[in-house]
Structure formats: structure tokens, C-alpha cells
Amino acid sequence: MKNTMKRSLFAGLAALSFVAVAGASTNASAAKKSYKIDFNQASSSSTATSRNYVPTGSNALYTKAGVLKSARKVADTSTLQNLANSKKGNDYFRGYRVAKLSNGSYYMKVVTFDKAYRGWIYVGKTDPRTNYKNVNAGLKYTDTTTDTTSSLTDAQKKATYQIQNPGTTFEAQTFKAPAYTQYKIGRNTTDTTNYKEDTFTITQAAKRTREGDQWVYVNDAKNPSVNGWILQSSLKEATPSTDTIADNAIRINLTDATGKAIKSVDYTKTGATKGTTLATDGKTLADTDTSAINTLITNALAGTANASAFTSLSDTQKATLAAAKFGSAVTLQLGATKSVGNAQTKIHQVWNLTAYNSLTGSKQARSVGKIATMIPFFNSNVNFTNAMNKFNSDPDVKGNKNDVIPLSTLKAAFKKDGLDTVYLKITPTILPRIGGGFLDNIDPTGIYMKADLDYENLPTTIHYGDTIQLSYQYETGALYHKAFNQTIFPNITQNADGYYELPINDDLLNNIIDLIVRYGI
């Protein structure tokens, strides 16, 4: 059975190189359907927050527009009614593509915030792109929060607060938006343990529509990187500090590149008056002050793991200090502390695939990545292999095996080395294959699938020297090519990665791609 499946897929994929472009055309498949697709367009990122919806329960969710041939049901109306009545933000829908059929009907492609359900749903006879909030039929626009800033009292605005139980729990974290109120906008600070002594002020407030709880936006003057939304119930009024700053001193709070506190030092000047700026004009730091503060910080960090993060004040730091006032505090963020060691972090040659399963309406994972060894003249993983090789020799992820790699360092390396987004070729190369991918790299022909790194499936803790098995999620609904510009499809331009998007509207292609995603090769 397994061999039969492989042979069938092999034959289907070989044929794919000859029918891909023609099959992607809406006209090519029009004869097979009662309706043709007039257009299938991605929504602009600038309208993202106006595309949050709840289903009405009057229309089902399908793998494609429901009236098209071979459209399969992803979720029936009763399931969507349950999602509509849910009290969880994860069950909101985000719309991200719009299609129009020749019968004048508009469909929108949506995904739940938790990515459990994804598909197309009917939204009426009016183009939703003119006003994404004005949809009907299967969807209803929703405000995921209500602004309650006006309810804050003067006392609440003037008070200072601390996190009741700092740490890694949901309640202790700060978010870029109230949790589960916007798609793919998550946590800002995952661990607040190091900020237990920090004090916060409240500047905004919002109530989550479904959960009904109150969230507030907090500012941390000492460590601004922590600023974000947090449950109001997670805060307590701050205990008055007995550690006062002298009238002739400026407290310099030092943080690392992630915003975590390192150490605080006081810079004092005889005769200085509280409230006056360190620089006379508030802009240009004197050379004597620059030299003295350089020495002060260097001595404070000597012998610590952060000593290498500071050599001398940058121009930006000088400007910050020049405007600092005596009797108050400022924060200086130091460069990232480079771990010292020879443990090279590497990427496993086999990756995991997290893909949407059109039959179950959920994501599924499987191990892939050895396609090139199973079908020798295919080059599906050449782009991944190139990126992996770059990462595996990247000095930015080389260090002491006992040190944890900061997530920011990993993300920067993934993006720089080409692992953040990978285009996987699914058609044979025209030129004869040579080991090592030499010709694969210079042959620009063929059809590709786009795969985005699934950061949610990264291990919680990664040390220098670890071998990481990455997970990718294929982008559905489109294929890509990069060899040349084309005029077959209107409004298709080269993206930032150098590829042209080809919407998939052909049943044969959809079925082959679905088999690749669900069963592998």
C-alpha cells in the first residue's frame, strides 16, 4: 500500500511540471465547474485588525468555495455555531483572502486564531474588500476588545504597580495586545522573574469581549522592553521604595539586549542640583562625564558575564545621559552578551511538517526532508539544505553548551541564513541532477511550495551546541515560480523573496498537493 502510494504520487508529481501553470489558470478548469473564479486575492496587511470575525452558523466552511467542484466540507454549520458562541478568543476567525466567482458570489478564506480550522466561507454578493467590517452571510465582524481607558480613575493613573507573582505563568506575562484578541500577536515578555522589583504605571485599559476580563497597558520606566498588556488582576500597588536617589546623582539602570536588568549604578557630581540635566544644554555630554561614566560602568560589570557587552558609551547612550536629570533614573540597554565557547548549534537534516489537514480541519505533523534520497532527481530540499549549511557554520549560534540561546538570537540567525521562509521545489529540475545540488541551485525553472518556520513548535529551551529539528507549515492555496515574469495571471508581481505567486484553482493540483501534505512522498 505504501509503495503504491509512493508510485502514484511520483507519477502525479512528474505530471505536475507539465500541468502546473495551465492548471493554476482559472480558465483551464472552467469547463469542469459550474462557475469560474474571477479572482483570488490576498488581503493587505494594513487591514489585518479589521478582519476579525465570528461565524454566523448559516454557512459551512469548505476547502474551496462551496459551489465549486470537489469542494470538501471542513466544518458544518453546527460546528461554526459552537465557535460563534465560544467564550475563547482562540475561536475567533481572521480573514486573509477574498475570491469572487462568476455568479457574483464572494468567498473569504479564514483561519481560527488557534489555526484549528481553515477554509473558505460565503460572505455575500458585496465585495468585502471595500469595507472588511461590512460582511454578511457566513461571517460577522467583531470587536475583540472594548476600550475602557476612560474608566481609569485619576488615582489609578497616578499610582505605581508591581506584578503580584512574577514568573512564566500566563498571568505574569506581558502581551503585545490583550491575549487572543489579534491573530499572531502574542507575548511581549514570557518571563518577568527579573522584574519583580520594577514598578509600572497604567496608561490604557481594555476589556476582552469574550472572556470579559480587564487588561491594562503598563509602562516600566526602568526596563521599557517589558511594556505591554497584562491582566489588571495580576497587579498590586507598589510598595514605596526606601532606596532613594540622591539629589546630586543620576541612577543608571543597565539591561541586557533582551531588556533584563543587569545592575544599577549611581553617577554623582558635587554641587549638582536635583532636576537639572547632566549636560548643560541637555544634548551634548561633556568629555569628562563620558570618561567618568565609561569607567563607572566598566568597573561595575568587571568579572560578570555581561562585561563583554560594554566597551564605551554609544552616541545614543550619550544623548540619553545628556538629557538625564539629577535625582532621577535612566535605562541603558547594553549589547547582547556573546556566549564564549565552541559548541556549534545545528539544524537536523530532517524537518517536521505541521500542515493543515483538509479532512479533519486541524493541523497534523509528520517528519519529512529526505525526499531527495527517495526520489533521486527531485530537488525539493535544496533550498532547505543550503540554509541549513549556512546555519550550521554560523558563528552567531556558537557558544558555551551550558548557555541558553536567546530567542532573539535564534530568530535573527534563522532569517539571515534563509530558514525563516523556505521555497521547496516540487517539480523535477530540467537539467540532469548532480549530487550536492550544484545544478539545482542554478536551474530557476519549476514550481515551488512556500513553507514558513513554525516558531510555536520550537523547544522551550535551546542551548548552544544543540541539534534542532525545525517544523514548517506549508502555505496553502498557492504555488510559486521564479524563472521569469509572466502575463497569464493579472496582478501577480514578484514578492520580496523573488518568487511569483500562482493561486491554485485546479482540482487536480489541489488533490496532488493535498496528498503531498497529508501523506508525503
Protein backbone atom coordinates (compact mmCIF):
# COMPACT_ATOMS: atom_id res chain seq x y z
CA MET A 1 0.00 0.00 0.00
CA LYS A 2 2.79 2.35 0.95
CA ASN A 3 4.74 1.59 -2.24
CA THR A 4 1.60 2.03 -4.33
CA MET A 5 1.02 5.41 -2.71
CA LYS A 6 4.61 6.44 -3.46
CA ARG A 7 4.37 5.35 -7.09
CA SER A 8 1.07 7.18 -7.53
CA LEU A 9 2.45 10.34 -6.05
CA PHE A 10 5.64 10.02 -8.07
CA ALA A 11 3.63 9.85 -11.28
CA GLY A 12 1.39 12.71 -10.19
CA LEU A 13 4.30 14.94 -9.31
CA ALA A 14 6.11 14.17 -12.56
CA ALA A 15 2.99 15.23 -14.44
CA LEU A 16 2.73 18.32 -12.27
CA SER A 17 5.66 20.01 -14.04
CA PHE A 18 3.68 19.96 -17.30
CA VAL A 19 0.25 20.98 -15.98
CA ALA A 20 1.06 23.30 -13.07
CA VAL A 21 0.90 26.64 -14.80
CA ALA A 22 -2.01 25.71 -17.01
CA GLY A 23 -3.81 24.11 -14.09
CA ALA A 24 -3.45 27.21 -11.94
CA SER A 25 -5.33 29.21 -14.56
CA THR A 26 -8.97 29.74 -13.75
CA ASN A 27 -9.90 29.38 -17.43
CA ALA A 28 -8.24 25.98 -17.73
CA SER A 29 -10.54 24.45 -15.17
CA ALA A 30 -13.69 26.42 -16.01
CA ALA A 31 -15.03 23.64 -18.17
CA LYS A 32 -15.00 21.28 -15.18
CA LYS A 33 -17.03 23.58 -12.93
CA SER A 34 -20.37 25.31 -12.99
CA TYR A 35 -18.59 28.56 -12.11
CA LYS A 36 -15.18 30.01 -12.72
CA ILE A 37 -13.11 32.10 -10.33
CA ASP A 38 -12.86 35.74 -11.38
CA PHE A 39 -10.10 36.47 -8.87
CA ASN A 40 -8.44 35.06 -5.74
CA GLN A 41 -6.53 37.77 -3.89
CA ALA A 42 -4.65 38.04 -0.61
CA SER A 43 -5.75 40.80 1.75
CA SER A 44 -3.41 43.69 2.55
CA SER A 45 -1.63 43.52 5.89
CA SER A 46 -2.73 47.10 6.57
CA THR A 47 -6.34 45.90 7.05
CA ALA A 48 -5.49 43.00 9.37
CA THR A 49 -7.22 44.21 12.54
CA SER A 50 -10.43 44.94 10.61
CA ARG A 51 -10.70 41.29 9.51
CA ASN A 52 -11.67 39.64 12.82
CA TYR A 53 -14.90 37.66 12.63
CA VAL A 54 -17.27 35.24 14.30
CA PRO A 55 -19.19 32.77 12.14
CA THR A 56 -22.95 33.25 11.93
CA GLY A 57 -23.61 29.50 11.65
CA SER A 58 -25.67 29.96 8.48
CA ASN A 59 -22.95 28.77 6.10
CA ALA A 60 -20.44 25.92 6.34
CA LEU A 61 -16.67 26.11 5.90
CA TYR A 62 -15.12 24.42 2.85
CA THR A 63 -11.71 23.63 1.38
CA LYS A 64 -12.65 25.95 -1.50
CA ALA A 65 -15.74 27.97 -2.45
CA GLY A 66 -18.57 25.61 -1.58
CA VAL A 67 -20.20 25.60 -5.03
CA LEU A 68 -17.02 24.56 -6.81
CA LYS A 69 -16.44 21.01 -7.92
CA SER A 70 -14.82 18.71 -5.34
CA ALA A 71 -15.09 21.29 -2.53
CA ARG A 72 -14.98 19.41 0.76
CA LYS A 73 -16.62 20.49 3.98
CA VAL A 74 -14.19 21.47 6.74
CA ALA A 75 -16.77 22.41 9.38
CA ASP A 76 -20.56 22.20 9.26
CA THR A 77 -22.97 24.90 10.43
CA SER A 78 -23.44 23.36 13.89
CA THR A 79 -19.68 23.39 14.48
CA LEU A 80 -19.48 27.01 13.36
CA GLN A 81 -22.41 27.89 15.62
CA ASN A 82 -20.47 26.45 18.56
CA LEU A 83 -17.45 28.55 17.58
CA ALA A 84 -19.71 31.60 17.35
CA ASN A 85 -20.90 31.05 20.93
CA SER A 86 -17.42 30.30 22.28
CA LYS A 87 -16.01 32.23 25.21
CA LYS A 88 -12.43 31.71 24.00
CA GLY A 89 -10.54 34.22 21.89
CA ASN A 90 -8.75 31.38 20.12
CA ASP A 91 -12.02 30.59 18.33
CA TYR A 92 -12.21 33.94 16.51
CA PHE A 93 -11.71 33.88 12.74
CA ARG A 94 -9.20 36.02 10.82
CA GLY A 95 -9.97 36.54 7.11
CA TYR A 96 -6.98 36.74 4.77
CA ARG A 97 -8.03 36.06 1.16
CA VAL A 98 -11.03 37.04 -0.97
CA ALA A 99 -12.31 35.27 -4.08
CA LYS A 100 -15.11 36.17 -6.46
CA LEU A 101 -16.97 33.63 -8.59
CA SER A 102 -18.57 34.21 -11.97
CA ASN A 103 -22.03 34.06 -10.33
CA GLY A 104 -21.22 37.25 -8.38
CA SER A 105 -20.69 35.49 -5.04
CA TYR A 106 -17.79 36.42 -2.76
CA TYR A 107 -15.95 33.98 -0.54
CA MET A 108 -13.37 34.68 2.14
CA LYS A 109 -10.61 32.38 3.31
CA VAL A 110 -10.41 32.36 7.10
CA VAL A 111 -8.50 30.67 9.89
CA THR A 112 -9.23 30.45 13.60
CA PHE A 113 -6.75 32.18 15.88
CA ASP A 114 -5.57 28.77 17.11
CA LYS A 115 -5.32 27.52 13.46
CA ALA A 116 -7.59 24.56 14.21
CA TYR A 117 -9.99 25.44 11.36
CA ARG A 118 -9.07 26.92 8.00
CA GLY A 119 -11.10 27.23 4.79
CA TRP A 120 -13.44 29.24 2.57
CA ILE A 121 -16.83 30.62 3.57
CA TYR A 122 -19.54 32.50 1.67
CA VAL A 123 -19.77 36.21 2.60
CA GLY A 124 -22.43 37.55 0.21
CA LYS A 125 -22.71 39.44 -3.05
CA THR A 126 -20.81 42.57 -1.96
CA ASP A 127 -17.04 42.84 -2.33
CA PRO A 128 -15.73 42.77 1.27
CA ARG A 129 -12.51 44.49 0.21
CA THR A 130 -14.35 47.82 0.07
CA ASN A 131 -15.11 47.52 3.79
CA TYR A 132 -13.98 44.37 5.59
CA LYS A 133 -16.27 45.15 8.50
CA ASN A 134 -19.30 45.08 6.23
CA VAL A 135 -19.65 41.36 5.54
CA ASN A 136 -22.70 39.12 5.86
CA ALA A 137 -23.88 35.57 5.19
CA GLY A 138 -21.32 33.28 6.88
CA LEU A 139 -19.35 35.87 8.84
CA LYS A 140 -19.96 38.79 11.16
CA TYR A 141 -17.30 41.35 12.06
CA THR A 142 -16.47 41.55 15.76
CA ASP A 143 -14.55 43.88 18.06
CA THR A 144 -12.41 41.54 20.13
CA THR A 145 -11.90 44.23 22.81
CA THR A 146 -13.65 47.30 24.18
CA ASP A 147 -11.55 50.35 25.08
CA THR A 148 -12.12 51.07 28.77
CA THR A 149 -9.35 53.61 29.30
CA SER A 150 -11.92 56.27 30.21
CA SER A 151 -12.92 54.17 33.23
CA LEU A 152 -9.48 54.56 34.84
CA THR A 153 -9.58 56.93 37.79
CA ASP A 154 -7.01 59.65 38.38
CA ALA A 155 -5.75 57.66 41.35
CA GLN A 156 -5.20 54.59 39.15
CA LYS A 157 -3.32 56.66 36.55
CA LYS A 158 -1.03 58.20 39.19
CA ALA A 159 -0.39 55.01 41.17
CA THR A 160 2.52 52.65 40.65
CA TYR A 161 2.14 48.89 40.50
CA GLN A 162 4.11 45.66 40.65
CA ILE A 163 3.38 42.18 39.27
CA GLN A 164 1.90 40.08 42.07
CA ASN A 165 3.57 36.81 41.11
CA PRO A 166 6.36 37.43 38.57
CA GLY A 167 7.43 34.42 36.51
CA THR A 168 6.46 32.47 33.41
CA THR A 169 2.73 31.93 34.04
CA PHE A 170 0.11 33.40 31.73
CA GLU A 171 -0.91 35.89 34.40
CA ALA A 172 2.67 37.12 34.89
CA GLN A 173 3.44 37.79 31.22
CA THR A 174 3.01 40.96 29.21
CA PHE A 175 1.47 40.87 25.72
CA LYS A 176 1.63 42.99 22.57
CA ALA A 177 -2.18 43.07 22.61
CA PRO A 178 -4.62 41.60 25.15
CA ALA A 179 -4.19 37.84 24.80
CA TYR A 180 -6.03 36.15 21.91
CA THR A 181 -7.59 39.36 20.59
CA GLN A 182 -5.48 39.59 17.43
CA TYR A 183 -4.17 36.85 15.12
CA LYS A 184 -0.45 36.01 15.51
CA ILE A 185 0.13 38.85 18.00
CA GLY A 186 1.31 37.22 21.19
CA ARG A 187 3.51 37.65 24.21
CA ASN A 188 5.91 40.52 24.69
CA THR A 189 7.71 39.18 27.77
CA THR A 190 7.50 35.47 28.59
CA ASP A 191 9.40 35.63 31.89
CA THR A 192 9.04 38.52 34.35
CA THR A 193 11.08 36.96 37.15
CA ASN A 194 13.85 39.54 36.80
CA TYR A 195 11.38 42.42 37.02
CA LYS A 196 9.86 41.61 40.40
CA GLU A 197 11.19 44.85 41.90
CA ASP A 198 10.15 47.01 38.94
CA THR A 199 7.26 49.43 39.21
CA PHE A 200 4.70 50.06 36.48
CA THR A 201 2.24 52.79 35.57
CA ILE A 202 -1.05 52.21 33.72
CA THR A 203 -1.80 54.21 30.57
CA GLN A 204 -4.57 52.23 28.81
CA ALA A 205 -7.28 49.73 29.65
CA ALA A 206 -9.38 47.29 27.59
CA LYS A 207 -11.96 44.59 28.23
CA ARG A 208 -11.81 41.34 26.26
CA THR A 209 -15.15 40.77 24.53
CA ARG A 210 -15.39 37.00 25.00
CA GLU A 211 -13.59 36.42 28.29
CA GLY A 212 -14.94 39.61 29.88
CA ASP A 213 -11.76 40.32 31.86
CA GLN A 214 -9.95 43.64 32.20
CA TRP A 215 -6.49 44.24 30.72
CA VAL A 216 -4.22 47.23 31.17
CA TYR A 217 -1.21 48.56 29.31
CA VAL A 218 1.72 49.06 31.69
CA ASN A 219 4.92 51.06 31.30
CA ASP A 220 8.15 50.17 33.07
CA ALA A 221 10.44 53.22 33.20
CA LYS A 222 13.34 51.06 34.35
CA ASN A 223 13.00 48.38 31.67
CA PRO A 224 10.86 49.68 28.78
CA SER A 225 11.18 46.39 26.89
CA VAL A 226 8.69 44.88 29.36
CA ASN A 227 5.99 47.39 28.42
CA GLY A 228 2.79 45.68 27.28
CA TRP A 229 -0.70 44.44 28.15
CA ILE A 230 -1.31 42.41 31.29
CA LEU A 231 -4.33 41.25 33.27
CA GLN A 232 -5.26 44.00 35.70
CA SER A 233 -5.85 41.39 38.37
CA SER A 234 -2.16 40.40 38.07
CA LEU A 235 -1.03 43.73 39.51
CA LYS A 236 -0.69 45.03 43.04
CA GLU A 237 0.07 48.52 44.28
CA ALA A 238 3.81 49.00 44.60
CA THR A 239 5.46 49.10 48.00
CA PRO A 240 7.09 52.50 48.49
CA SER A 241 10.83 52.22 47.87
CA THR A 242 13.30 53.16 50.56
CA ASP A 243 16.13 53.18 48.02
CA THR A 244 16.01 56.86 47.11
CA ILE A 245 18.26 58.59 44.60
CA ALA A 246 20.43 61.41 45.93
CA ASP A 247 19.69 64.91 44.66
CA ASN A 248 23.15 65.11 43.07
CA ALA A 249 23.03 61.62 41.50
CA ILE A 250 21.68 60.00 38.35
CA ARG A 251 20.86 56.31 38.66
CA ILE A 252 21.89 54.36 35.57
CA ASN A 253 19.93 51.10 35.21
CA LEU A 254 21.77 48.68 32.94
CA THR A 255 19.88 45.99 31.00
CA ASP A 256 20.94 43.35 28.51
CA ALA A 257 19.82 43.19 24.88
CA THR A 258 16.53 41.49 25.87
CA GLY A 259 15.69 44.15 28.45
CA LYS A 260 16.52 42.10 31.53
CA ALA A 261 18.03 44.06 34.40
CA ILE A 262 21.79 43.63 34.96
CA LYS A 263 22.87 46.22 37.51
CA SER A 264 22.26 49.80 38.65
CA VAL A 265 24.98 52.38 39.33
CA ASP A 266 24.75 55.97 40.59
CA TYR A 267 26.74 58.75 38.93
CA THR A 268 27.18 61.69 41.30
CA LYS A 269 28.53 65.21 40.83
CA THR A 270 29.42 67.58 43.62
CA GLY A 271 27.21 70.67 43.62
CA ALA A 272 24.63 69.24 41.19
CA THR A 273 21.02 70.33 41.76
CA LYS A 274 18.02 68.00 41.64
CA GLY A 275 16.02 68.39 38.43
CA THR A 276 18.84 69.82 36.31
CA THR A 277 20.17 67.89 33.32
CA LEU A 278 23.60 66.27 33.30
CA ALA A 279 24.57 68.21 30.17
CA THR A 280 24.17 71.96 30.49
CA ASP A 281 22.22 72.14 27.22
CA GLY A 282 20.59 68.73 27.75
CA LYS A 283 22.04 67.48 24.45
CA THR A 284 25.84 67.18 24.45
CA LEU A 285 27.54 65.07 27.10
CA ALA A 286 30.86 66.55 28.25
CA ASP A 287 34.01 64.52 27.61
CA THR A 288 34.79 64.44 31.35
CA ASP A 289 31.35 62.96 32.11
CA THR A 290 31.69 60.49 29.23
CA SER A 291 35.04 59.25 30.52
CA ALA A 292 33.86 59.03 34.14
CA ILE A 293 30.69 57.10 33.26
CA ASN A 294 32.61 54.73 30.95
CA THR A 295 34.88 53.87 33.89
CA LEU A 296 31.93 53.60 36.31
CA ILE A 297 30.06 51.09 34.10
CA THR A 298 33.18 49.12 33.16
CA ASN A 299 34.11 48.68 36.83
CA ALA A 300 30.53 47.70 37.74
CA LEU A 301 30.47 44.96 35.09
CA ALA A 302 34.02 43.70 35.65
CA GLY A 303 34.13 39.97 36.35
CA THR A 304 30.49 39.43 35.34
CA ALA A 305 29.04 37.57 32.35
CA ASN A 306 28.00 40.92 30.90
CA ALA A 307 31.45 42.52 30.94
CA SER A 308 31.91 41.99 27.19
CA ALA A 309 28.59 43.71 26.43
CA PHE A 310 30.06 47.15 27.14
CA THR A 311 33.17 48.90 25.87
CA SER A 312 32.17 52.57 25.81
CA LEU A 313 29.04 54.72 25.57
CA SER A 314 27.39 54.85 22.16
CA ASP A 315 26.16 58.13 20.68
CA THR A 316 22.59 57.16 21.55
CA GLN A 317 23.53 56.37 25.14
CA LYS A 318 25.40 59.68 25.42
CA ALA A 319 22.29 61.53 24.24
CA THR A 320 20.17 59.68 26.81
CA LEU A 321 22.54 60.60 29.61
CA ALA A 322 22.89 64.20 28.46
CA ALA A 323 19.15 64.69 28.95
CA ALA A 324 19.03 62.76 32.26
CA LYS A 325 18.12 64.76 35.35
CA PHE A 326 19.77 64.59 38.75
CA GLY A 327 17.63 62.87 41.35
CA SER A 328 16.12 60.51 38.74
CA ALA A 329 16.97 57.31 36.83
CA VAL A 330 17.67 56.37 33.21
CA THR A 331 17.98 53.00 31.50
CA LEU A 332 20.82 52.00 29.19
CA GLN A 333 20.46 48.82 27.15
CA LEU A 334 23.76 47.10 26.52
CA GLY A 335 24.67 44.95 23.53
CA ALA A 336 23.95 41.25 23.51
CA THR A 337 26.30 39.21 25.67
CA LYS A 338 28.10 36.77 23.40
CA SER A 339 28.43 33.30 24.82
CA VAL A 340 32.05 32.12 24.74
CA GLY A 341 32.60 28.54 23.59
CA ASN A 342 32.97 26.20 20.63
CA ALA A 343 29.61 24.41 20.71
CA GLN A 344 28.05 24.96 17.28
CA THR A 345 24.26 24.87 17.19
CA LYS A 346 22.98 22.87 14.21
CA ILE A 347 19.82 22.08 12.30
CA HIS A 348 18.70 18.49 11.81
CA GLN A 349 18.61 17.46 8.14
CA VAL A 350 15.06 16.15 8.60
CA TRP A 351 12.36 18.68 9.35
CA ASN A 352 8.87 18.28 10.76
CA LEU A 353 5.89 19.41 8.73
CA THR A 354 2.92 20.98 10.51
CA ALA A 355 0.21 21.19 7.89
CA TYR A 356 -3.50 21.86 7.68
CA ASN A 357 -5.45 18.66 7.15
CA SER A 358 -8.44 19.47 4.97
CA LEU A 359 -10.17 16.26 6.06
CA THR A 360 -10.09 16.86 9.81
CA GLY A 361 -9.91 20.64 9.95
CA SER A 362 -6.79 20.65 12.12
CA LYS A 363 -3.00 20.72 11.90
CA GLN A 364 -1.05 17.49 11.72
CA ALA A 365 2.68 16.87 11.96
CA ARG A 366 4.94 14.38 10.27
CA SER A 367 8.67 14.05 9.63
CA VAL A 368 9.86 14.88 6.11
CA GLY A 369 13.02 16.13 4.48
CA LYS A 370 14.58 13.07 2.87
CA ILE A 371 12.66 13.49 -0.37
CA ALA A 372 15.86 13.88 -2.38
CA THR A 373 17.10 10.46 -1.28
CA MET A 374 13.77 8.74 -2.02
CA ILE A 375 13.37 10.24 -5.50
CA PRO A 376 16.94 10.99 -6.65
CA PHE A 377 16.25 13.51 -9.43
CA PHE A 378 13.91 15.64 -7.32
CA ASN A 379 15.40 18.64 -5.56
CA SER A 380 12.66 19.50 -3.10
CA ASN A 381 15.04 20.22 -0.24
CA VAL A 382 17.91 22.05 -1.95
CA ASN A 383 16.89 25.46 -0.56
CA PHE A 384 16.47 23.98 2.89
CA THR A 385 19.85 22.24 2.65
CA ASN A 386 21.59 25.46 1.62
CA ALA A 387 20.04 27.35 4.54
CA MET A 388 20.84 24.53 6.96
CA ASN A 389 24.51 24.53 5.90
CA LYS A 390 24.75 28.28 6.48
CA PHE A 391 23.21 27.99 9.93
CA ASN A 392 25.41 25.05 10.89
CA SER A 393 28.51 27.22 10.45
CA ASP A 394 27.02 30.50 11.71
CA PRO A 395 29.24 31.94 14.48
CA ASP A 396 26.23 33.80 15.95
CA VAL A 397 24.86 30.47 17.25
CA LYS A 398 28.18 29.16 18.51
CA GLY A 399 28.95 29.35 22.22
CA ASN A 400 29.12 27.60 25.57
CA LYS A 401 26.99 24.43 25.65
CA ASN A 402 25.76 25.38 29.14
CA ASP A 403 24.30 28.69 27.93
CA VAL A 404 20.76 29.07 26.64
CA ILE A 405 20.50 30.78 23.23
CA PRO A 406 18.26 33.88 23.41
CA LEU A 407 15.20 33.52 21.18
CA SER A 408 16.06 36.85 19.54
CA THR A 409 19.47 35.45 18.56
CA LEU A 410 17.88 32.33 17.06
CA LYS A 411 15.26 34.29 15.11
CA ALA A 412 17.91 36.62 13.69
CA ALA A 413 20.02 33.64 12.57
CA PHE A 414 17.03 31.80 11.05
CA LYS A 415 16.13 34.88 9.00
CA LYS A 416 19.72 35.71 7.99
CA ASP A 417 20.56 32.15 6.94
CA GLY A 418 17.34 31.54 4.99
CA LEU A 419 15.48 29.20 7.34
CA ASP A 420 12.63 31.56 8.21
CA THR A 421 10.86 31.01 4.88
CA VAL A 422 11.86 28.19 2.52
CA TYR A 423 10.63 27.52 -1.02
CA LEU A 424 10.58 23.79 -1.75
CA LYS A 425 10.66 22.70 -5.39
CA ILE A 426 8.07 20.02 -6.18
CA THR A 427 8.81 19.54 -9.88
CA PRO A 428 11.90 17.87 -11.42
CA THR A 429 14.78 20.07 -12.47
CA ILE A 430 15.12 20.40 -16.26
CA LEU A 431 18.88 19.89 -16.10
CA PRO A 432 20.31 16.47 -15.15
CA ARG A 433 20.75 16.19 -11.41
CA ILE A 434 24.27 16.24 -9.94
CA GLY A 435 24.99 15.37 -6.34
CA GLY A 436 25.37 18.30 -3.97
CA GLY A 437 22.64 20.37 -5.59
CA PHE A 438 25.00 22.27 -7.94
CA LEU A 439 22.60 22.34 -10.88
CA ASP A 440 19.59 22.62 -8.60
CA ASN A 441 20.91 25.99 -7.48
CA ILE A 442 21.36 27.41 -10.99
CA ASP A 443 18.18 25.96 -12.54
CA PRO A 444 15.43 28.54 -11.82
CA THR A 445 12.62 26.65 -13.54
CA GLY A 446 9.90 24.68 -11.86
CA ILE A 447 7.15 25.04 -9.30
CA TYR A 448 7.70 25.61 -5.58
CA MET A 449 5.69 25.39 -2.36
CA LYS A 450 6.25 28.03 0.30
CA ALA A 451 6.99 26.82 3.85
CA ASP A 452 7.14 29.11 6.89
CA LEU A 453 9.02 28.21 10.04
CA ASP A 454 6.59 27.25 12.82
CA TYR A 455 8.08 29.03 15.85
CA GLU A 456 5.38 27.60 18.12
CA ASN A 457 6.97 24.15 17.80
CA LEU A 458 10.49 25.20 18.77
CA PRO A 459 11.77 23.61 22.00
CA THR A 460 11.20 25.84 25.03
CA THR A 461 14.92 25.88 25.88
CA ILE A 462 17.73 25.57 23.33
CA HIS A 463 21.39 25.51 24.37
CA TYR A 464 24.40 26.28 22.23
CA GLY A 465 25.51 23.07 20.56
CA ASP A 466 22.02 21.54 20.39
CA THR A 467 20.73 20.00 17.16
CA ILE A 468 17.32 21.48 16.43
CA GLN A 469 14.64 19.74 14.42
CA LEU A 470 12.59 22.53 12.86
CA SER A 471 8.89 22.45 11.95
CA TYR A 472 7.43 24.10 8.88
CA GLN A 473 3.91 24.92 7.79
CA TYR A 474 3.13 24.94 4.08
CA GLU A 475 1.23 27.89 2.70
CA THR A 476 -1.95 26.58 1.11
CA GLY A 477 -3.83 27.96 -1.86
CA ALA A 478 -0.83 28.94 -3.97
CA LEU A 479 2.28 27.68 -5.75
CA TYR A 480 5.30 29.75 -6.78
CA HIS A 481 7.81 30.08 -9.61
CA LYS A 482 10.81 32.39 -10.05
CA ALA A 483 12.28 31.83 -13.52
CA PHE A 484 10.62 34.66 -15.39
CA ASN A 485 7.84 37.20 -15.26
CA GLN A 486 4.54 36.15 -16.75
CA THR A 487 1.40 37.72 -18.18
CA ILE A 488 -1.02 34.78 -17.87
CA PHE A 489 -2.27 35.85 -14.44
CA PRO A 490 -3.18 39.50 -13.78
CA ASN A 491 -1.94 41.45 -10.77
CA ILE A 492 0.83 38.97 -9.94
CA THR A 493 4.18 40.54 -9.18
CA GLN A 494 7.45 39.26 -7.80
CA ASN A 495 7.46 39.10 -4.00
CA ALA A 496 10.29 40.13 -1.68
CA ASP A 497 11.81 36.64 -1.95
CA GLY A 498 11.99 36.81 -5.76
CA TYR A 499 9.08 34.43 -6.45
CA TYR A 500 5.77 34.85 -8.31
CA GLU A 501 2.60 33.58 -6.63
CA LEU A 502 0.30 31.32 -8.65
CA PRO A 503 -3.13 30.77 -6.99
CA ILE A 504 -4.26 27.12 -7.12
CA ASN A 505 -7.74 26.81 -8.60
CA ASP A 506 -7.46 23.45 -10.34
CA ASP A 507 -8.88 20.27 -8.81
CA LEU A 508 -6.03 18.03 -9.98
CA LEU A 509 -3.37 20.27 -8.50
CA ASN A 510 -5.29 20.69 -5.26
CA ASN A 511 -5.62 16.94 -4.88
CA ILE A 512 -1.93 16.27 -5.61
CA ILE A 513 -0.78 18.97 -3.19
CA ASP A 514 -3.20 17.68 -0.57
CA LEU A 515 -1.70 14.18 -0.92
CA ILE A 516 1.82 15.56 -0.56
CA VAL A 517 0.89 17.41 2.61
CA ARG A 518 -1.10 14.61 4.24
CA TYR A 519 0.83 11.51 3.22
CA GLY A 520 4.25 12.59 2.00
CA ILE A 521 6.18 11.08 -0.85
